[in-house]
Structure formats: structure tokens, C-alpha cells
Amino acid sequence: MTIREAEAQWQGSLKEGSGRLRVGSGVFEGAYSFPSRFENGPGTNPEELIAAAHAGCFSMALSAILGREGYTPARIHTIAKAHLGATAAGPTITRIELETEASVAGLAAGDFERLAQTAKESCLVSRALAGVAVITLKARLVETATDH
């Protein structure tokens, strides 16, 4: 089993605080804050990273599906838009829009649409976002200099 890891550091209150997100491989690290997540402030946010993961996963799944059908794509470009909205449960990813275009020699448009739909339904991130069966938590409180 492959395990992927990322980490987050947060300092301060929700609205005035800030943090950093880092992927385990070290190829990405970025700042995040209340404004970058819920407004249009500078920095990244978890939803943007989910969108990036979805776009990447979908593109690879589509390439694999095309390959099984005997096609090699010259290029696949996918944009994922994660919509953050308000619900009774609080802020929620309410919708994800995938937009893809590909250059695939000899493939009919109708066949491409069918295969792209299969990729949307079968990519790992699409399936994870449909509902994760188990989410575990290990929580540990460490001592701080001041206690509030």
C-alpha cells in the first residue's frame, strides 16, 4: 500500500492567524490564511489543493483509459474548479467542475466524451471525494508556554 503525506502548520486565531501547507515530497509548500481560503487573499487553500489533485488524477486516469482503447494522447489539459459554499453544516465543497481537453489522433468526439466520463467516475480522487469510508484521527496535545 502506498501512503502519501502532507502537513499543515497553523498559528493564531481563525481570522487573524496564518499557516503553511507542505506536501510530503517537498515539491510544494505554500502559505494559507482565512483570506486565502474564504475570500480572495493571497496564498493557497485546501480546496485549491483538492482541485489540483482532482485535475491531476483525472488526467492520468483518462490517459490510462485511452491507452487501454489503443490511443496515446499527445496532450490532456484539465482544469478542476472546487466550489466552496455555505451549507447548514458550515462551509462545504458543494461542487467540483472538471473541464478537460485532449489531443488524441484518430478518436471520435463521441468516443472521447464516453471515455472521459469513465475517467471521471473511476479516478481515485473522484472516488475519494464521493465519500471516504474511514477517516482516522490521532490527536495529541502538547504543552504550551501560556495556557488560555
N, C-alpha and C. Protein backbone atom coordinates (compact mmCIF):
# COMPACT_ATOMS: atom_id res chain seq x y z
N MET A 1 0.84 -1.17 0.00
CA MET A 1 0.00 0.00 0.00
C MET A 1 0.89 1.24 0.00
N THR A 2 0.56 2.19 -0.84
CA THR A 2 1.28 3.45 -0.91
C THR A 2 0.61 4.45 0.01
N ILE A 3 1.39 5.17 0.76
CA ILE A 3 0.86 6.20 1.65
C ILE A 3 1.47 7.54 1.25
N ARG A 4 0.63 8.52 1.02
CA ARG A 4 1.07 9.87 0.69
C ARG A 4 0.82 10.75 1.91
N GLU A 5 1.66 11.74 2.09
CA GLU A 5 1.58 12.55 3.30
C GLU A 5 1.68 14.03 2.95
N ALA A 6 1.02 14.83 3.72
CA ALA A 6 1.14 16.29 3.65
C ALA A 6 1.01 16.81 5.07
N GLU A 7 1.43 18.04 5.28
CA GLU A 7 1.33 18.59 6.63
C GLU A 7 0.89 20.04 6.59
N ALA A 8 0.32 20.46 7.69
CA ALA A 8 -0.13 21.85 7.83
C ALA A 8 0.31 22.37 9.19
N GLN A 9 0.71 23.62 9.20
CA GLN A 9 1.06 24.32 10.43
C GLN A 9 0.18 25.56 10.49
N TRP A 10 -0.46 25.80 11.61
CA TRP A 10 -1.33 26.98 11.77
C TRP A 10 -0.94 27.68 13.05
N GLN A 11 -0.90 29.00 13.00
CA GLN A 11 -0.60 29.79 14.19
C GLN A 11 -1.62 30.91 14.30
N GLY A 12 -2.21 31.04 15.48
CA GLY A 12 -3.12 32.15 15.73
C GLY A 12 -4.58 31.76 15.60
N SER A 13 -5.41 32.77 15.69
CA SER A 13 -6.85 32.57 15.61
C SER A 13 -7.27 32.29 14.17
N LEU A 14 -8.52 31.89 13.98
CA LEU A 14 -9.01 31.55 12.66
C LEU A 14 -8.86 32.72 11.69
N LYS A 15 -9.36 33.89 12.04
CA LYS A 15 -9.39 35.01 11.10
C LYS A 15 -8.07 35.78 11.02
N GLU A 16 -7.33 35.87 12.11
CA GLU A 16 -6.10 36.65 12.10
C GLU A 16 -4.86 35.77 11.92
N GLY A 17 -4.98 34.47 12.09
CA GLY A 17 -3.84 33.57 12.02
C GLY A 17 -3.42 33.28 10.59
N SER A 18 -2.40 32.46 10.49
CA SER A 18 -1.91 32.04 9.18
C SER A 18 -1.18 30.72 9.32
N GLY A 19 -0.92 30.11 8.20
CA GLY A 19 -0.25 28.82 8.25
C GLY A 19 0.48 28.52 6.97
N ARG A 20 1.05 27.31 6.94
CA ARG A 20 1.76 26.81 5.77
C ARG A 20 1.33 25.38 5.53
N LEU A 21 1.14 25.06 4.27
CA LEU A 21 0.83 23.70 3.83
C LEU A 21 2.05 23.19 3.08
N ARG A 22 2.36 21.92 3.27
CA ARG A 22 3.53 21.33 2.61
C ARG A 22 3.20 19.90 2.23
N VAL A 23 3.52 19.53 0.99
CA VAL A 23 3.34 18.15 0.59
C VAL A 23 4.56 17.35 0.99
N GLY A 24 4.37 16.06 1.25
CA GLY A 24 5.42 15.21 1.78
C GLY A 24 6.67 15.12 0.93
N SER A 25 6.53 15.20 -0.38
CA SER A 25 7.69 15.12 -1.27
C SER A 25 8.53 16.39 -1.21
N GLY A 26 7.95 17.47 -0.67
CA GLY A 26 8.66 18.73 -0.59
C GLY A 26 8.60 19.57 -1.86
N VAL A 27 7.90 19.11 -2.90
CA VAL A 27 7.86 19.87 -4.14
C VAL A 27 6.91 21.06 -4.09
N PHE A 28 6.05 21.10 -3.07
CA PHE A 28 5.17 22.26 -2.90
C PHE A 28 5.05 22.61 -1.44
N GLU A 29 5.17 23.91 -1.16
CA GLU A 29 4.89 24.45 0.16
C GLU A 29 4.30 25.83 -0.07
N GLY A 30 3.24 26.15 0.64
CA GLY A 30 2.62 27.46 0.44
C GLY A 30 1.91 27.96 1.67
N ALA A 31 1.76 29.26 1.72
CA ALA A 31 1.07 29.93 2.81
C ALA A 31 -0.44 29.86 2.60
N TYR A 32 -1.17 29.81 3.72
CA TYR A 32 -2.63 29.89 3.65
C TYR A 32 -3.14 30.66 4.84
N SER A 33 -4.35 31.19 4.70
CA SER A 33 -4.93 32.04 5.73
C SER A 33 -6.44 32.08 5.54
N PHE A 34 -7.13 32.72 6.46
CA PHE A 34 -8.57 32.90 6.30
C PHE A 34 -8.88 33.62 4.98
N PRO A 35 -8.18 34.75 4.68
CA PRO A 35 -8.47 35.42 3.41
C PRO A 35 -8.18 34.57 2.17
N SER A 36 -7.14 33.72 2.20
CA SER A 36 -6.85 32.91 1.02
C SER A 36 -7.84 31.77 0.86
N ARG A 37 -8.51 31.42 1.94
CA ARG A 37 -9.46 30.32 1.87
C ARG A 37 -10.89 30.79 1.64
N PHE A 38 -11.32 31.81 2.35
CA PHE A 38 -12.73 32.19 2.30
C PHE A 38 -12.98 33.51 1.57
N GLU A 39 -11.91 34.17 1.17
CA GLU A 39 -12.03 35.43 0.41
C GLU A 39 -11.15 35.25 -0.83
N ASN A 40 -10.54 36.30 -1.29
CA ASN A 40 -9.65 36.20 -2.44
C ASN A 40 -8.24 36.67 -2.10
N GLY A 41 -7.81 36.40 -0.88
CA GLY A 41 -6.49 36.82 -0.44
C GLY A 41 -5.38 35.98 -1.06
N PRO A 42 -4.14 36.45 -0.93
CA PRO A 42 -3.01 35.71 -1.48
C PRO A 42 -2.73 34.43 -0.71
N GLY A 43 -2.20 33.45 -1.39
CA GLY A 43 -1.88 32.17 -0.77
C GLY A 43 -2.74 31.07 -1.34
N THR A 44 -2.55 29.88 -0.82
CA THR A 44 -3.29 28.72 -1.28
C THR A 44 -4.37 28.37 -0.27
N ASN A 45 -5.01 27.23 -0.45
CA ASN A 45 -6.03 26.76 0.48
C ASN A 45 -6.28 25.29 0.22
N PRO A 46 -6.86 24.59 1.18
CA PRO A 46 -7.10 23.15 0.99
C PRO A 46 -7.95 22.83 -0.23
N GLU A 47 -8.94 23.64 -0.53
CA GLU A 47 -9.83 23.35 -1.66
C GLU A 47 -9.08 23.45 -2.99
N GLU A 48 -8.17 24.41 -3.09
CA GLU A 48 -7.36 24.55 -4.29
C GLU A 48 -6.47 23.33 -4.48
N LEU A 49 -5.93 22.82 -3.39
CA LEU A 49 -5.10 21.63 -3.47
C LEU A 49 -5.92 20.40 -3.83
N ILE A 50 -7.15 20.32 -3.34
CA ILE A 50 -8.05 19.23 -3.74
C ILE A 50 -8.34 19.33 -5.24
N ALA A 51 -8.58 20.54 -5.73
CA ALA A 51 -8.83 20.74 -7.15
C ALA A 51 -7.62 20.31 -7.98
N ALA A 52 -6.42 20.67 -7.53
CA ALA A 52 -5.20 20.28 -8.24
C ALA A 52 -5.06 18.76 -8.27
N ALA A 53 -5.33 18.13 -7.13
CA ALA A 53 -5.25 16.66 -7.06
C ALA A 53 -6.26 16.02 -8.00
N HIS A 54 -7.46 16.59 -8.04
CA HIS A 54 -8.51 16.03 -8.90
C HIS A 54 -8.15 16.18 -10.37
N ALA A 55 -7.65 17.35 -10.76
CA ALA A 55 -7.26 17.57 -12.16
C ALA A 55 -6.14 16.62 -12.57
N GLY A 56 -5.16 16.44 -11.69
CA GLY A 56 -4.05 15.55 -12.00
C GLY A 56 -4.48 14.10 -12.08
N CYS A 57 -5.28 13.66 -11.13
CA CYS A 57 -5.76 12.28 -11.10
C CYS A 57 -6.62 11.98 -12.32
N PHE A 58 -7.54 12.88 -12.63
CA PHE A 58 -8.43 12.69 -13.78
C PHE A 58 -7.62 12.58 -15.06
N SER A 59 -6.64 13.47 -15.25
CA SER A 59 -5.83 13.46 -16.47
C SER A 59 -5.09 12.13 -16.64
N MET A 60 -4.53 11.62 -15.53
CA MET A 60 -3.84 10.33 -15.59
C MET A 60 -4.80 9.18 -15.85
N ALA A 61 -5.98 9.23 -15.22
CA ALA A 61 -6.98 8.18 -15.44
C ALA A 61 -7.44 8.18 -16.89
N LEU A 62 -7.65 9.36 -17.44
CA LEU A 62 -8.08 9.45 -18.84
C LEU A 62 -6.98 8.90 -19.76
N SER A 63 -5.73 9.22 -19.48
CA SER A 63 -4.62 8.69 -20.28
C SER A 63 -4.60 7.17 -20.23
N ALA A 64 -4.81 6.60 -19.05
CA ALA A 64 -4.82 5.13 -18.90
C ALA A 64 -5.97 4.51 -19.68
N ILE A 65 -7.15 5.11 -19.59
CA ILE A 65 -8.32 4.58 -20.28
C ILE A 65 -8.13 4.67 -21.79
N LEU A 66 -7.60 5.79 -22.26
CA LEU A 66 -7.33 5.94 -23.69
C LEU A 66 -6.32 4.89 -24.14
N GLY A 67 -5.30 4.65 -23.32
CA GLY A 67 -4.29 3.65 -23.65
C GLY A 67 -4.88 2.25 -23.78
N ARG A 68 -5.80 1.90 -22.88
CA ARG A 68 -6.45 0.59 -22.95
C ARG A 68 -7.28 0.44 -24.23
N GLU A 69 -7.72 1.58 -24.77
CA GLU A 69 -8.50 1.57 -26.01
C GLU A 69 -7.61 1.67 -27.25
N GLY A 70 -6.29 1.73 -27.04
CA GLY A 70 -5.36 1.78 -28.16
C GLY A 70 -4.96 3.17 -28.61
N TYR A 71 -5.25 4.19 -27.81
CA TYR A 71 -4.92 5.57 -28.16
C TYR A 71 -3.86 6.11 -27.21
N THR A 72 -2.96 6.91 -27.77
CA THR A 72 -1.97 7.60 -26.94
C THR A 72 -2.23 9.10 -27.08
N PRO A 73 -2.65 9.75 -26.01
CA PRO A 73 -2.91 11.19 -26.12
C PRO A 73 -1.61 11.98 -26.27
N ALA A 74 -1.62 12.95 -27.17
CA ALA A 74 -0.48 13.85 -27.29
C ALA A 74 -0.49 14.83 -26.13
N ARG A 75 -1.69 15.16 -25.65
CA ARG A 75 -1.83 16.15 -24.58
C ARG A 75 -3.20 16.02 -23.95
N ILE A 76 -3.25 16.14 -22.63
CA ILE A 76 -4.51 16.24 -21.89
C ILE A 76 -4.35 17.43 -20.95
N HIS A 77 -5.27 18.35 -21.01
CA HIS A 77 -5.24 19.52 -20.13
C HIS A 77 -6.56 19.57 -19.38
N THR A 78 -6.49 19.55 -18.05
CA THR A 78 -7.69 19.52 -17.23
C THR A 78 -7.66 20.65 -16.21
N ILE A 79 -8.79 21.31 -16.07
CA ILE A 79 -9.00 22.31 -15.02
C ILE A 79 -10.07 21.77 -14.10
N ALA A 80 -9.83 21.82 -12.80
CA ALA A 80 -10.84 21.44 -11.80
C ALA A 80 -11.16 22.67 -10.98
N LYS A 81 -12.42 22.93 -10.81
CA LYS A 81 -12.88 24.07 -10.02
C LYS A 81 -13.67 23.54 -8.83
N ALA A 82 -13.13 23.73 -7.64
CA ALA A 82 -13.81 23.32 -6.41
C ALA A 82 -14.58 24.52 -5.88
N HIS A 83 -15.89 24.38 -5.78
CA HIS A 83 -16.76 25.45 -5.31
C HIS A 83 -16.93 25.32 -3.80
N LEU A 84 -16.60 26.35 -3.08
CA LEU A 84 -16.77 26.38 -1.63
C LEU A 84 -18.02 27.19 -1.34
N GLY A 85 -18.99 26.57 -0.72
CA GLY A 85 -20.25 27.24 -0.43
C GLY A 85 -20.67 27.04 1.01
N ALA A 86 -21.70 27.76 1.39
CA ALA A 86 -22.24 27.68 2.74
C ALA A 86 -23.40 26.68 2.76
N THR A 87 -23.38 25.80 3.75
CA THR A 87 -24.48 24.87 3.95
C THR A 87 -24.85 24.90 5.43
N ALA A 88 -25.89 24.20 5.80
CA ALA A 88 -26.28 24.13 7.21
C ALA A 88 -25.17 23.52 8.07
N ALA A 89 -24.34 22.67 7.48
CA ALA A 89 -23.23 22.05 8.21
C ALA A 89 -22.02 22.97 8.29
N GLY A 90 -22.06 24.10 7.58
CA GLY A 90 -20.92 25.03 7.54
C GLY A 90 -20.34 25.07 6.14
N PRO A 91 -19.17 25.70 5.99
CA PRO A 91 -18.54 25.76 4.67
C PRO A 91 -18.31 24.35 4.13
N THR A 92 -18.64 24.16 2.85
CA THR A 92 -18.60 22.83 2.25
C THR A 92 -18.19 22.94 0.78
N ILE A 93 -17.43 21.96 0.31
CA ILE A 93 -17.21 21.88 -1.13
C ILE A 93 -18.53 21.39 -1.70
N THR A 94 -19.22 22.26 -2.39
CA THR A 94 -20.57 21.95 -2.86
C THR A 94 -20.58 21.40 -4.28
N ARG A 95 -19.49 21.60 -5.00
CA ARG A 95 -19.47 21.18 -6.41
C ARG A 95 -18.03 21.18 -6.89
N ILE A 96 -17.71 20.26 -7.76
CA ILE A 96 -16.43 20.27 -8.45
C ILE A 96 -16.71 20.15 -9.93
N GLU A 97 -16.19 21.10 -10.68
CA GLU A 97 -16.34 21.08 -12.13
C GLU A 97 -15.01 20.67 -12.76
N LEU A 98 -15.04 19.66 -13.59
CA LEU A 98 -13.87 19.24 -14.35
C LEU A 98 -14.06 19.70 -15.78
N GLU A 99 -13.04 20.33 -16.33
CA GLU A 99 -13.04 20.72 -17.74
C GLU A 99 -11.77 20.14 -18.33
N THR A 100 -11.90 19.37 -19.39
CA THR A 100 -10.72 18.76 -19.98
C THR A 100 -10.75 18.90 -21.49
N GLU A 101 -9.56 18.99 -22.05
CA GLU A 101 -9.42 18.92 -23.49
C GLU A 101 -8.19 18.07 -23.77
N ALA A 102 -8.26 17.34 -24.85
CA ALA A 102 -7.17 16.44 -25.17
C ALA A 102 -6.94 16.41 -26.67
N SER A 103 -5.72 16.12 -27.02
CA SER A 103 -5.35 15.91 -28.41
C SER A 103 -5.06 14.42 -28.56
N VAL A 104 -5.95 13.73 -29.27
CA VAL A 104 -5.83 12.28 -29.43
C VAL A 104 -6.12 11.95 -30.90
N ALA A 105 -5.10 11.55 -31.61
CA ALA A 105 -5.25 11.25 -33.04
C ALA A 105 -6.18 10.06 -33.26
N GLY A 106 -7.12 10.23 -34.20
CA GLY A 106 -7.97 9.13 -34.63
C GLY A 106 -9.14 8.81 -33.74
N LEU A 107 -9.40 9.60 -32.72
CA LEU A 107 -10.50 9.31 -31.79
C LEU A 107 -11.70 10.20 -32.12
N ALA A 108 -12.87 9.62 -32.21
CA ALA A 108 -14.10 10.37 -32.48
C ALA A 108 -14.55 11.11 -31.22
N ALA A 109 -15.18 12.25 -31.40
CA ALA A 109 -15.61 13.09 -30.28
C ALA A 109 -16.54 12.34 -29.32
N GLY A 110 -17.48 11.59 -29.86
CA GLY A 110 -18.41 10.84 -29.01
C GLY A 110 -17.70 9.80 -28.16
N ASP A 111 -16.72 9.13 -28.75
CA ASP A 111 -15.94 8.14 -28.00
C ASP A 111 -15.10 8.83 -26.92
N PHE A 112 -14.55 10.00 -27.25
CA PHE A 112 -13.77 10.74 -26.27
C PHE A 112 -14.64 11.12 -25.06
N GLU A 113 -15.83 11.63 -25.32
CA GLU A 113 -16.73 12.02 -24.23
C GLU A 113 -17.09 10.82 -23.35
N ARG A 114 -17.33 9.68 -23.94
CA ARG A 114 -17.65 8.46 -23.19
C ARG A 114 -16.46 8.03 -22.33
N LEU A 115 -15.27 8.04 -22.90
CA LEU A 115 -14.08 7.65 -22.15
C LEU A 115 -13.74 8.66 -21.06
N ALA A 116 -13.96 9.93 -21.32
CA ALA A 116 -13.73 10.97 -20.30
C ALA A 116 -14.69 10.78 -19.13
N GLN A 117 -15.93 10.44 -19.42
CA GLN A 117 -16.91 10.18 -18.35
C GLN A 117 -16.47 8.99 -17.51
N THR A 118 -15.95 7.95 -18.14
CA THR A 118 -15.43 6.79 -17.42
C THR A 118 -14.27 7.21 -16.52
N ALA A 119 -13.40 8.08 -17.02
CA ALA A 119 -12.27 8.57 -16.22
C ALA A 119 -12.76 9.36 -15.01
N LYS A 120 -13.79 10.18 -15.20
CA LYS A 120 -14.34 10.95 -14.08
C LYS A 120 -14.86 10.03 -12.99
N GLU A 121 -15.53 8.98 -13.39
CA GLU A 121 -16.12 8.06 -12.42
C GLU A 121 -15.10 7.15 -11.76
N SER A 122 -13.98 6.90 -12.44
CA SER A 122 -13.04 5.91 -11.92
C SER A 122 -11.77 6.48 -11.31
N CYS A 123 -11.48 7.76 -11.49
CA CYS A 123 -10.21 8.26 -10.95
C CYS A 123 -10.26 8.22 -9.42
N LEU A 124 -9.11 7.96 -8.83
CA LEU A 124 -9.02 7.78 -7.38
C LEU A 124 -9.57 8.96 -6.59
N VAL A 125 -9.28 10.16 -7.04
CA VAL A 125 -9.74 11.33 -6.30
C VAL A 125 -11.25 11.50 -6.43
N SER A 126 -11.81 11.23 -7.60
CA SER A 126 -13.27 11.28 -7.74
C SER A 126 -13.92 10.31 -6.77
N ARG A 127 -13.37 9.10 -6.69
CA ARG A 127 -13.94 8.11 -5.78
C ARG A 127 -13.76 8.52 -4.32
N ALA A 128 -12.62 9.10 -3.98
CA ALA A 128 -12.40 9.55 -2.60
C ALA A 128 -13.35 10.67 -2.23
N LEU A 129 -13.58 11.57 -3.15
CA LEU A 129 -14.48 12.69 -2.86
C LEU A 129 -15.94 12.26 -2.80
N ALA A 130 -16.25 11.09 -3.32
CA ALA A 130 -17.61 10.56 -3.24
C ALA A 130 -17.93 10.08 -1.83
N GLY A 131 -16.92 9.93 -1.03
CA GLY A 131 -17.13 9.51 0.36
C GLY A 131 -16.03 8.56 0.80
N VAL A 132 -15.28 8.97 1.76
CA VAL A 132 -14.23 8.14 2.30
C VAL A 132 -14.84 7.28 3.40
N ALA A 133 -14.67 5.96 3.31
CA ALA A 133 -15.28 5.05 4.27
C ALA A 133 -14.71 5.20 5.67
N VAL A 134 -13.43 5.46 5.77
CA VAL A 134 -12.80 5.56 7.09
C VAL A 134 -11.90 6.78 7.12
N ILE A 135 -12.10 7.63 8.10
CA ILE A 135 -11.18 8.73 8.38
C ILE A 135 -10.73 8.54 9.81
N THR A 136 -9.43 8.35 9.99
CA THR A 136 -8.92 8.15 11.34
C THR A 136 -8.27 9.43 11.83
N LEU A 137 -8.12 9.52 13.13
CA LEU A 137 -7.52 10.69 13.76
C LEU A 137 -6.66 10.26 14.92
N LYS A 138 -5.45 10.78 14.95
CA LYS A 138 -4.60 10.66 16.12
C LYS A 138 -4.40 12.08 16.62
N ALA A 139 -4.83 12.37 17.82
CA ALA A 139 -4.74 13.72 18.36
C ALA A 139 -3.86 13.71 19.60
N ARG A 140 -2.93 14.66 19.66
CA ARG A 140 -2.02 14.75 20.79
C ARG A 140 -1.89 16.21 21.17
N LEU A 141 -2.13 16.52 22.40
CA LEU A 141 -1.99 17.89 22.91
C LEU A 141 -0.59 18.03 23.49
N VAL A 142 0.10 19.07 23.07
CA VAL A 142 1.43 19.33 23.61
C VAL A 142 1.35 20.55 24.52
N GLU A 143 2.23 20.61 25.50
CA GLU A 143 2.23 21.74 26.42
C GLU A 143 2.63 23.02 25.70
N THR A 144 2.00 24.11 26.13
CA THR A 144 2.34 25.41 25.57
C THR A 144 2.87 26.32 26.66
N ALA A 145 3.53 27.38 26.25
CA ALA A 145 4.14 28.30 27.22
C ALA A 145 3.08 29.01 28.05
N THR A 146 1.97 29.36 27.41
CA THR A 146 0.86 30.01 28.12
C THR A 146 -0.38 29.19 27.95
N ASP A 147 -1.19 29.13 28.97
CA ASP A 147 -2.42 28.36 28.92
C ASP A 147 -3.59 29.33 28.93
N HIS A 148 -4.51 29.20 27.97
CA HIS A 148 -5.68 30.09 27.91
C HIS A 148 -6.91 29.36 28.28
